[in-house]
Amino acid sequence: MKPEVTSNDTGSRRPLVLLLLFGVLWLVASGVLGLAASVQVHSPRFLEGCACLTYGRLSALAETAFVYGWLANAGLALALWTLGRLAGEPLRAQSWAVLGAVFWNVGVAAALGGVATGDATGFALLGLPGYVHALLLFSYAAIALSGILAWAGRLRLVAYASQWYAAAALFLFPWILSVAHVMLFSAPARGVVQAVAAGWYAQCAWSLWLAPLALAVAYYVVPRATGRTLPSYEFASLGFWCLVFIGGLTAGHALVGGPVPAWIPSIAVVAGAILLFHALVVVLNLRGAFAGGGVALRFIGFGLGAYALNIAAGALTAFHALSVRTQFTFVDEALRQLALYGAASTILMGGIYFAVPRITGRAWLSGGLVRAHGALTFAGIVLLVGCLGAAGIAQGRGLADPAVAFPEIARQTRPWLAAATAAQAMLLLGNMALALNFAVTAWRLLGAAEPAAFEAPAATEAPLP
């Protein structure tokens, strides 16, 4: 059997390695910032003498570096790799992709500088100052061009699910960011409409951009790693269109009880329940990932479990009976970390462990670093989400009791928040292990040629009828 490392991989190496390198660097940076912000939650005097490192700015810096630095770079690299592989030829317009990667990360760095100097917006998942949006849109279009050309030049007229999700992410993000820029920056809406627009962007950035990037990777890697066709594949298109049409409608669950028309949170409740069908389809299609068998599948299986759990928890907490106890508490942060770190990030990490040896033609340098990264990441996510959820439940119980003072609520949540800080430290150590392993593995491209160590399994995704 011939090695799976092909000319399609080696011919597309330059933009993919560059995007992944930027991604892992931002991952470590976001871990450092997130750890510092986590310490400040229970120890407010930490870094109190530095205005640019107050909690509000640190949390926005960590979120921006994680979402637009790590998830965007890694997700785009793996989406381009998937589309190029299924197109059967090296990526085209690679110079544009390299240019876009450089300017995208320049834009992210400029956004972090703006946030640190006081230009944070205060919007969830959109802490980016408005003056960097145009640069990010241009950069994203330049990167996406390679993927769009691969999509248009695919070998089969009927596409695979991995191509649907990757193409959707490439097409939808510029529209989402453009609409949000108009509604919140260039011609800002007033009053409650602004809160609705901000909530819509945050939910769409997750449901229509980050989640499709991760699912594109899962739908490609799982059948390749297992060598088996995907079960219940005929339902994959229903799951895809359910996410595209319903995902953004769940934004109103954050506005339950707020001064908005009642139909907005009501639609969110119904949409959250319908989205459970999408989660069921994804789990049925990709249940092979839960059988294990390799480091990539372990990461992807963990991420898929977190993805389904996040959708189920989001549907439950959208109901008023629960939202009155969880809204404006650390439960919201626990669900956000479950989605971004537990689902999207771990699936992309699994994709990196599968793709990098095929892109570079080199095995990972250190199996010990791979195992350390997996153990620290899985334990850190479980501890982080669990502690934030417990802190949120204690916080909600105290807020619902008028006899409990705010200092007492802070005392009750402090041990849980300290444990969450320990979880952040574990995640940072795991991220450093991944970054070191990737950097050395990529650096070996400059050395002597080595034989490829990975062979192709017998089957890919199930063909559509």
Protein backbone atom coordinates (compact mmCIF):
# COMPACT_ATOMS: atom_id res chain seq x y z
CA MET A 1 0.00 0.00 0.00
CA LYS A 2 1.39 3.38 -0.97
CA PRO A 3 1.97 6.04 1.66
CA GLU A 4 -0.92 8.45 2.10
CA VAL A 5 1.36 11.50 1.94
CA THR A 6 0.77 12.64 -1.64
CA SER A 7 1.78 15.47 -3.91
CA ASN A 8 -1.52 17.12 -3.01
CA ASP A 9 -0.32 17.42 0.60
CA THR A 10 3.25 18.46 -0.11
CA GLY A 11 2.14 20.85 -2.84
CA SER A 12 -0.20 22.64 -0.42
CA ARG A 13 2.22 22.67 2.50
CA ARG A 14 3.23 26.34 2.64
CA PRO A 15 -0.06 28.10 3.58
CA LEU A 16 -1.22 25.21 5.77
CA VAL A 17 1.91 25.07 7.92
CA LEU A 18 1.91 28.88 8.21
CA LEU A 19 -1.69 28.99 9.40
CA LEU A 20 -1.14 26.18 11.88
CA LEU A 21 2.02 27.82 13.22
CA PHE A 22 0.17 31.07 13.83
CA GLY A 23 -2.64 29.09 15.43
CA VAL A 24 -0.56 27.23 18.01
CA LEU A 25 1.29 30.42 18.94
CA TRP A 26 -2.00 32.19 19.60
CA LEU A 27 -3.20 29.14 21.53
CA VAL A 28 -0.34 29.48 23.99
CA ALA A 29 -0.79 33.27 24.19
CA SER A 30 -4.52 32.90 24.89
CA GLY A 31 -3.69 30.35 27.60
CA VAL A 32 -1.39 32.80 29.37
CA LEU A 33 -3.98 35.57 29.15
CA GLY A 34 -6.81 33.27 30.22
CA LEU A 35 -4.85 32.07 33.24
CA ALA A 36 -4.16 35.63 34.37
CA ALA A 37 -7.84 36.56 33.93
CA SER A 38 -8.92 33.46 35.87
CA VAL A 39 -6.69 34.43 38.80
CA GLN A 40 -8.25 37.89 38.87
CA VAL A 41 -11.76 36.46 39.22
CA HIS A 42 -11.03 35.23 42.76
CA SER A 43 -8.01 37.46 43.55
CA PRO A 44 -8.89 40.94 42.24
CA ARG A 45 -5.64 42.50 43.45
CA PHE A 46 -3.60 40.44 41.00
CA LEU A 47 -2.03 42.85 38.43
CA GLU A 48 -4.16 45.68 39.83
CA GLY A 49 -1.44 48.25 39.13
CA CYS A 50 -1.51 47.71 35.34
CA ALA A 51 -4.47 49.36 33.62
CA CYS A 52 -4.10 47.35 30.40
CA LEU A 53 -4.29 44.08 32.35
CA THR A 54 -7.47 44.61 34.33
CA TYR A 55 -9.97 41.75 34.28
CA GLY A 56 -12.25 43.26 31.65
CA ARG A 57 -9.39 43.73 29.22
CA LEU A 58 -7.63 40.47 30.03
CA SER A 59 -10.75 38.38 29.48
CA ALA A 60 -11.41 40.13 26.14
CA LEU A 61 -7.76 39.64 25.14
CA ALA A 62 -7.89 35.93 25.98
CA GLU A 63 -11.15 35.39 24.12
CA THR A 64 -9.98 37.29 21.03
CA ALA A 65 -6.65 35.46 20.89
CA PHE A 66 -8.37 32.11 21.33
CA VAL A 67 -11.21 32.58 18.83
CA TYR A 68 -9.60 34.69 16.12
CA GLY A 69 -6.03 33.57 16.70
CA TRP A 70 -6.21 29.86 17.49
CA LEU A 71 -9.61 28.59 16.30
CA ALA A 72 -9.67 30.69 13.12
CA ASN A 73 -6.13 29.84 11.99
CA ALA A 74 -6.37 26.14 12.79
CA GLY A 75 -9.91 25.82 11.44
CA LEU A 76 -9.06 27.55 8.17
CA ALA A 77 -5.90 25.47 7.69
CA LEU A 78 -7.77 22.20 8.20
CA ALA A 79 -10.72 23.33 6.06
CA LEU A 80 -8.36 24.16 3.18
CA TRP A 81 -6.55 20.84 3.63
CA THR A 82 -9.84 18.91 3.59
CA LEU A 83 -11.18 20.71 0.52
CA GLY A 84 -7.86 20.33 -1.30
CA ARG A 85 -7.67 16.61 -0.57
CA LEU A 86 -11.21 15.98 -1.75
CA ALA A 87 -10.54 18.09 -4.87
CA GLY A 88 -7.72 15.72 -5.76
CA GLU A 89 -5.14 18.40 -6.51
CA PRO A 90 -2.89 20.87 -4.66
CA LEU A 91 -4.51 24.08 -3.49
CA ARG A 92 -4.63 26.88 -6.00
CA ALA A 93 -4.04 30.59 -5.26
CA GLN A 94 -1.65 29.66 -2.45
CA SER A 95 0.10 33.03 -2.60
CA TRP A 96 -3.23 34.66 -1.77
CA ALA A 97 -3.69 32.26 1.15
CA VAL A 98 -0.22 33.07 2.50
CA LEU A 99 -0.87 36.81 2.11
CA GLY A 100 -4.24 36.44 3.81
CA ALA A 101 -2.73 34.44 6.68
CA VAL A 102 -0.12 37.14 7.32
CA PHE A 103 -2.62 40.01 7.27
CA TRP A 104 -5.22 38.09 9.27
CA ASN A 105 -2.74 37.67 12.09
CA VAL A 106 -1.58 41.27 11.76
CA GLY A 107 -5.24 42.21 12.21
CA VAL A 108 -5.59 39.98 15.27
CA ALA A 109 -2.46 41.52 16.80
CA ALA A 110 -3.81 45.02 16.08
CA ALA A 111 -7.12 44.05 17.68
CA LEU A 112 -5.34 42.84 20.81
CA GLY A 113 -3.40 46.08 20.97
CA GLY A 114 -6.66 48.01 20.70
CA VAL A 115 -8.33 45.96 23.42
CA ALA A 116 -5.33 46.42 25.74
CA THR A 117 -5.49 50.20 25.29
CA GLY A 118 -9.20 50.45 26.01
CA ASP A 119 -10.92 49.90 22.65
CA ALA A 120 -12.71 46.67 23.61
CA THR A 121 -16.33 46.56 22.47
CA GLY A 122 -17.85 44.56 25.31
CA PHE A 123 -19.67 42.25 22.88
CA ALA A 124 -19.32 38.49 23.36
CA LEU A 125 -17.04 36.89 20.74
CA LEU A 126 -16.67 40.32 19.12
CA GLY A 127 -14.21 42.15 21.31
CA LEU A 128 -12.43 43.21 18.11
CA PRO A 129 -12.36 46.99 17.66
CA GLY A 130 -14.31 48.07 14.61
CA TYR A 131 -11.29 49.50 12.81
CA VAL A 132 -9.77 46.03 12.20
CA HIS A 133 -12.87 44.48 10.65
CA ALA A 134 -12.08 45.55 7.08
CA LEU A 135 -8.58 44.09 7.30
CA LEU A 136 -9.95 40.82 8.68
CA LEU A 137 -12.58 40.59 5.94
CA PHE A 138 -9.97 41.13 3.22
CA SER A 139 -7.62 38.61 4.82
CA TYR A 140 -10.37 36.02 5.26
CA ALA A 141 -11.42 36.38 1.63
CA ALA A 142 -7.81 35.90 0.49
CA ILE A 143 -7.47 32.72 2.56
CA ALA A 144 -10.89 31.39 1.57
CA LEU A 145 -10.14 31.83 -2.14
CA SER A 146 -8.04 28.65 -2.15
CA GLY A 147 -10.83 26.71 -0.50
CA ILE A 148 -13.49 28.07 -2.82
CA LEU A 149 -11.42 27.13 -5.88
CA ALA A 150 -10.93 23.64 -4.47
CA TRP A 151 -14.67 23.40 -3.84
CA ALA A 152 -15.49 24.54 -7.37
CA GLY A 153 -12.94 22.15 -8.90
CA ARG A 154 -13.88 19.07 -6.86
CA LEU A 155 -13.73 15.70 -8.57
CA ARG A 156 -17.32 14.70 -7.80
CA LEU A 157 -20.41 16.73 -8.64
CA VAL A 158 -22.04 15.42 -5.45
CA ALA A 159 -20.06 16.66 -2.44
CA TYR A 160 -19.30 15.08 0.92
CA ALA A 161 -20.53 16.40 4.26
CA SER A 162 -17.03 17.57 5.16
CA GLN A 163 -17.10 19.79 2.06
CA TRP A 164 -20.52 21.19 2.95
CA TYR A 165 -19.42 22.28 6.40
CA ALA A 166 -16.07 23.69 5.22
CA ALA A 167 -17.64 25.65 2.34
CA ALA A 168 -20.41 26.97 4.62
CA ALA A 169 -17.83 28.31 7.09
CA LEU A 170 -15.87 29.99 4.30
CA PHE A 171 -18.94 31.66 2.82
CA LEU A 172 -20.92 32.57 5.96
CA PHE A 173 -18.34 34.25 8.20
CA PRO A 174 -17.81 37.34 5.97
CA TRP A 175 -21.59 37.83 5.87
CA ILE A 176 -21.93 37.46 9.65
CA LEU A 177 -19.12 39.91 10.40
CA SER A 178 -20.33 42.42 7.79
CA VAL A 179 -23.85 42.48 9.21
CA ALA A 180 -22.54 42.84 12.76
CA HIS A 181 -20.20 45.65 11.71
CA VAL A 182 -23.08 47.61 10.21
CA MET A 183 -25.49 46.95 13.10
CA LEU A 184 -22.99 47.60 15.89
CA PHE A 185 -20.30 49.93 14.51
CA SER A 186 -20.80 51.83 11.25
CA ALA A 187 -24.54 52.48 11.75
CA PRO A 188 -25.12 51.22 15.29
CA ALA A 189 -28.59 50.17 16.32
CA ARG A 190 -29.99 51.76 19.45
CA GLY A 191 -31.36 50.41 22.67
CA VAL A 192 -32.34 46.79 22.92
CA VAL A 193 -31.84 46.18 19.20
CA GLN A 194 -28.09 46.46 19.80
CA ALA A 195 -28.24 43.67 22.39
CA VAL A 196 -30.21 41.52 19.95
CA ALA A 197 -27.66 42.15 17.18
CA ALA A 198 -24.72 41.38 19.49
CA GLY A 199 -26.35 38.16 20.67
CA TRP A 200 -27.11 37.18 17.08
CA TYR A 201 -23.46 37.64 16.07
CA ALA A 202 -22.14 35.64 19.02
CA GLN A 203 -24.47 32.73 18.29
CA CYS A 204 -23.87 32.81 14.52
CA ALA A 205 -20.10 33.01 15.00
CA TRP A 206 -20.40 29.75 16.91
CA SER A 207 -23.14 27.93 14.98
CA LEU A 208 -22.33 29.07 11.43
CA TRP A 209 -18.55 29.50 11.56
CA LEU A 210 -16.63 27.76 14.34
CA ALA A 211 -18.86 24.68 14.63
CA PRO A 212 -18.87 24.03 10.84
CA LEU A 213 -15.07 24.36 10.73
CA ALA A 214 -14.79 21.72 13.46
CA LEU A 215 -17.44 19.44 11.95
CA ALA A 216 -15.76 19.60 8.53
CA VAL A 217 -12.65 18.17 10.17
CA ALA A 218 -14.60 15.49 12.05
CA TYR A 219 -16.54 14.36 8.97
CA TYR A 220 -13.29 13.96 7.05
CA VAL A 221 -10.97 12.47 9.66
CA VAL A 222 -13.30 9.91 11.31
CA PRO A 223 -13.90 7.74 8.22
CA ARG A 224 -10.29 8.11 7.12
CA ALA A 225 -8.93 7.10 10.52
CA THR A 226 -11.35 4.21 11.04
CA GLY A 227 -11.31 2.98 7.43
CA ARG A 228 -15.09 2.57 7.55
CA THR A 229 -17.92 4.40 5.85
CA LEU A 230 -20.07 6.65 8.01
CA PRO A 231 -23.29 5.05 9.30
CA SER A 232 -26.65 6.73 8.73
CA TYR A 233 -24.94 8.98 6.18
CA GLU A 234 -28.20 9.64 4.36
CA PHE A 235 -29.21 11.89 7.28
CA ALA A 236 -26.03 14.01 7.13
CA SER A 237 -27.59 16.57 4.78
CA LEU A 238 -30.55 17.01 7.14
CA GLY A 239 -28.19 17.66 10.04
CA PHE A 240 -26.23 20.17 7.97
CA TRP A 241 -29.23 22.21 6.85
CA CYS A 242 -30.72 22.07 10.35
CA LEU A 243 -27.60 23.77 11.71
CA VAL A 244 -27.47 26.36 8.90
CA PHE A 245 -31.12 27.42 9.19
CA ILE A 246 -31.71 26.93 12.92
CA GLY A 247 -28.33 27.60 14.56
CA GLY A 248 -28.54 31.40 14.49
CA LEU A 249 -32.10 31.44 15.84
CA THR A 250 -30.97 30.20 19.25
CA ALA A 251 -29.36 33.57 20.03
CA GLY A 252 -32.40 34.77 21.96
CA HIS A 253 -31.85 32.36 24.85
CA ALA A 254 -29.44 34.92 26.36
CA LEU A 255 -32.26 37.49 26.38
CA VAL A 256 -34.79 35.49 28.39
CA GLY A 257 -36.45 37.87 30.83
CA GLY A 258 -34.93 40.92 29.15
CA PRO A 259 -36.72 43.97 27.70
CA VAL A 260 -37.20 42.35 24.29
CA PRO A 261 -40.30 41.13 22.46
CA ALA A 262 -41.41 37.81 23.90
CA TRP A 263 -41.19 36.07 20.53
CA ILE A 264 -37.38 36.41 20.42
CA PRO A 265 -36.61 34.16 23.45
CA SER A 266 -39.57 31.94 22.52
CA ILE A 267 -38.06 31.25 19.09
CA ALA A 268 -34.75 30.53 20.80
CA VAL A 269 -36.38 27.88 23.01
CA VAL A 270 -37.99 26.17 20.01
CA ALA A 271 -34.82 26.45 17.91
CA GLY A 272 -32.72 24.95 20.71
CA ALA A 273 -35.03 21.95 20.85
CA ILE A 274 -34.90 21.50 17.07
CA LEU A 275 -31.11 21.71 17.12
CA LEU A 276 -31.09 18.53 19.20
CA PHE A 277 -31.92 16.73 15.94
CA HIS A 278 -28.73 18.11 14.40
CA ALA A 279 -26.69 16.87 17.38
CA LEU A 280 -28.32 13.44 17.10
CA VAL A 281 -27.43 13.19 13.39
CA VAL A 282 -23.81 14.22 14.04
CA VAL A 283 -23.43 11.65 16.82
CA LEU A 284 -25.01 8.90 14.70
CA ASN A 285 -22.78 9.70 11.72
CA LEU A 286 -19.56 10.02 13.69
CA ARG A 287 -20.06 7.48 16.44
CA GLY A 288 -16.99 5.65 15.16
CA ALA A 289 -14.89 8.36 16.84
CA PHE A 290 -16.02 7.15 20.26
CA ALA A 291 -14.43 3.76 19.69
CA GLY A 292 -10.96 5.30 20.00
CA GLY A 293 -8.04 3.73 18.20
CA GLY A 294 -5.75 6.72 17.82
CA VAL A 295 -4.92 10.09 19.27
CA ALA A 296 -6.86 11.95 16.55
CA LEU A 297 -10.00 9.93 17.23
CA ARG A 298 -9.66 10.40 20.99
CA PHE A 299 -9.59 14.18 20.61
CA ILE A 300 -12.40 14.21 18.07
CA GLY A 301 -14.54 11.82 20.11
CA PHE A 302 -14.10 13.99 23.20
CA GLY A 303 -14.98 17.09 21.17
CA LEU A 304 -18.09 15.52 19.65
CA GLY A 305 -19.30 14.51 23.11
CA ALA A 306 -18.77 18.07 24.33
CA TYR A 307 -20.55 19.43 21.24
CA ALA A 308 -23.65 17.30 21.83
CA LEU A 309 -23.62 18.11 25.56
CA ASN A 310 -23.38 21.83 24.83
CA ILE A 311 -26.39 21.72 22.51
CA ALA A 312 -28.43 19.75 25.06
CA ALA A 313 -27.43 22.07 27.93
CA GLY A 314 -28.17 25.13 25.80
CA ALA A 315 -31.64 23.81 25.01
CA LEU A 316 -32.37 23.13 28.69
CA THR A 317 -31.08 26.45 30.04
CA ALA A 318 -33.15 28.35 27.47
CA PHE A 319 -36.31 27.48 29.42
CA HIS A 320 -37.36 30.19 31.82
CA ALA A 321 -37.58 27.86 34.82
CA LEU A 322 -33.85 27.15 34.56
CA SER A 323 -32.66 30.43 33.07
CA VAL A 324 -33.78 32.40 36.14
CA ARG A 325 -31.22 30.39 38.17
CA THR A 326 -28.39 30.23 35.60
CA GLN A 327 -28.56 33.52 33.71
CA PHE A 328 -25.81 36.04 34.57
CA THR A 329 -23.88 33.39 36.50
CA PHE A 330 -20.75 31.35 35.81
CA VAL A 331 -22.97 28.72 34.18
CA ASP A 332 -22.91 30.89 31.04
CA GLU A 333 -19.12 30.86 31.10
CA ALA A 334 -19.09 27.09 31.67
CA LEU A 335 -21.25 26.56 28.56
CA ARG A 336 -19.04 28.93 26.56
CA GLN A 337 -15.92 27.03 27.56
CA LEU A 338 -17.64 23.72 26.81
CA ALA A 339 -18.41 24.93 23.29
CA LEU A 340 -15.19 26.74 22.40
CA TYR A 341 -12.64 24.65 24.26
CA GLY A 342 -14.39 21.35 24.84
CA ALA A 343 -15.92 21.00 21.38
CA ALA A 344 -14.32 23.18 18.69
CA SER A 345 -10.78 23.28 20.04
CA THR A 346 -10.42 19.56 20.79
CA ILE A 347 -11.87 18.54 17.41
CA LEU A 348 -9.39 20.84 15.67
CA MET A 349 -6.57 19.40 17.80
CA GLY A 350 -7.58 15.93 16.65
CA GLY A 351 -7.54 17.17 13.08
CA ILE A 352 -4.04 18.57 13.58
CA TYR A 353 -2.76 15.27 14.96
CA PHE A 354 -4.15 13.53 11.87
CA ALA A 355 -3.20 16.13 9.24
CA VAL A 356 0.27 17.36 10.23
CA PRO A 357 2.12 14.07 9.54
CA ARG A 358 0.46 13.97 6.14
CA ILE A 359 1.18 17.62 5.35
CA THR A 360 4.79 17.51 6.47
CA GLY A 361 5.64 13.89 5.69
CA ARG A 362 7.07 13.60 9.21
CA ALA A 363 5.81 11.66 12.21
CA TRP A 364 5.25 13.64 15.39
CA LEU A 365 8.58 14.07 17.13
CA SER A 366 7.51 13.08 20.65
CA GLY A 367 4.83 10.59 21.58
CA GLY A 368 5.30 11.63 25.20
CA LEU A 369 4.31 15.20 24.41
CA VAL A 370 1.26 13.93 22.55
CA ARG A 371 0.15 11.85 25.54
CA ALA A 372 0.86 14.69 27.96
CA HIS A 373 -1.15 17.10 25.83
CA GLY A 374 -4.10 14.72 25.70
CA ALA A 375 -4.13 14.00 29.43
CA LEU A 376 -3.77 17.66 30.43
CA THR A 377 -6.36 18.84 27.91
CA PHE A 378 -9.07 16.32 28.76
CA ALA A 379 -8.60 16.66 32.52
CA GLY A 380 -8.33 20.45 32.29
CA ILE A 381 -11.54 20.84 30.29
CA VAL A 382 -13.54 18.56 32.57
CA LEU A 383 -12.24 20.37 35.66
CA LEU A 384 -12.75 23.83 34.16
CA VAL A 385 -16.31 23.26 32.95
CA GLY A 386 -17.28 21.37 36.10
CA CYS A 387 -15.91 24.02 38.48
CA LEU A 388 -17.43 26.92 36.55
CA GLY A 389 -20.76 25.11 36.47
CA ALA A 390 -20.63 24.44 40.22
CA ALA A 391 -19.68 28.06 40.89
CA GLY A 392 -22.59 29.20 38.73
CA ILE A 393 -25.08 26.99 40.55
CA ALA A 394 -23.88 28.27 43.92
CA GLN A 395 -23.98 31.82 42.61
CA GLY A 396 -27.51 31.43 41.22
CA ARG A 397 -28.74 29.94 44.49
CA GLY A 398 -27.29 32.84 46.44
CA LEU A 399 -28.66 35.49 44.08
CA ALA A 400 -32.13 33.98 44.36
CA ASP A 401 -32.05 34.30 48.17
CA PRO A 402 -32.41 37.92 49.33
CA ALA A 403 -30.99 36.98 52.72
CA VAL A 404 -27.59 36.09 51.21
CA ALA A 405 -25.24 39.06 50.80
CA PHE A 406 -22.86 39.45 47.85
CA PRO A 407 -19.73 38.91 49.97
CA GLU A 408 -21.16 35.58 51.09
CA ILE A 409 -21.82 34.58 47.46
CA ALA A 410 -18.23 35.46 46.60
CA ARG A 411 -16.98 33.36 49.53
CA GLN A 412 -19.03 30.36 48.39
CA THR A 413 -17.79 30.52 44.80
CA ARG A 414 -14.14 31.25 45.57
CA PRO A 415 -12.99 27.58 46.01
CA TRP A 416 -14.61 26.59 42.71
CA LEU A 417 -13.01 29.52 40.91
CA ALA A 418 -9.61 28.69 42.37
CA ALA A 419 -9.99 25.14 41.05
CA ALA A 420 -10.94 26.59 37.65
CA THR A 421 -7.67 28.53 37.72
CA ALA A 422 -5.81 25.26 38.29
CA ALA A 423 -7.65 23.86 35.27
CA GLN A 424 -6.50 26.84 33.19
CA ALA A 425 -2.91 26.12 34.25
CA MET A 426 -3.29 22.49 33.16
CA LEU A 427 -4.64 23.57 29.78
CA LEU A 428 -1.78 26.01 29.32
CA LEU A 429 0.78 23.27 29.99
CA GLY A 430 -0.97 21.01 27.50
CA ASN A 431 -1.03 23.76 24.89
CA MET A 432 2.68 24.36 25.37
CA ALA A 433 3.29 20.65 24.77
CA LEU A 434 1.34 20.81 21.50
CA ALA A 435 3.11 24.00 20.38
CA LEU A 436 6.55 22.55 21.11
CA ASN A 437 5.77 19.28 19.36
CA PHE A 438 4.36 21.03 16.31
CA ALA A 439 7.17 23.58 16.06
CA VAL A 440 9.89 20.92 16.15
CA THR A 441 7.99 18.64 13.77
CA ALA A 442 7.52 21.48 11.28
CA TRP A 443 11.14 22.58 11.72
CA ARG A 444 12.28 19.14 10.60
CA LEU A 445 10.95 19.99 7.14
CA LEU A 446 14.25 21.83 6.66
CA GLY A 447 16.21 18.66 7.38
CA ALA A 448 16.83 15.56 5.31
CA ALA A 449 13.93 13.78 3.67
CA GLU A 450 12.31 10.94 5.59
CA PRO A 451 9.96 8.25 4.34
CA ALA A 452 6.31 8.92 5.08
CA ALA A 453 5.05 6.81 7.96
CA PHE A 454 1.29 6.86 7.38
CA GLU A 455 -0.64 4.70 4.98
CA ALA A 456 -4.13 5.20 3.61
CA PRO A 457 -7.01 3.18 5.03
CA ALA A 458 -9.26 1.30 2.68
CA ALA A 459 -12.23 3.63 2.59
CA THR A 460 -13.20 7.26 2.86
CA GLU A 461 -16.64 8.76 3.52
CA ALA A 462 -19.72 6.91 2.32
CA PRO A 463 -20.73 7.96 -1.19
CA LEU A 464 -24.03 9.72 -1.56
CA PRO A 465 -26.75 8.07 -3.62
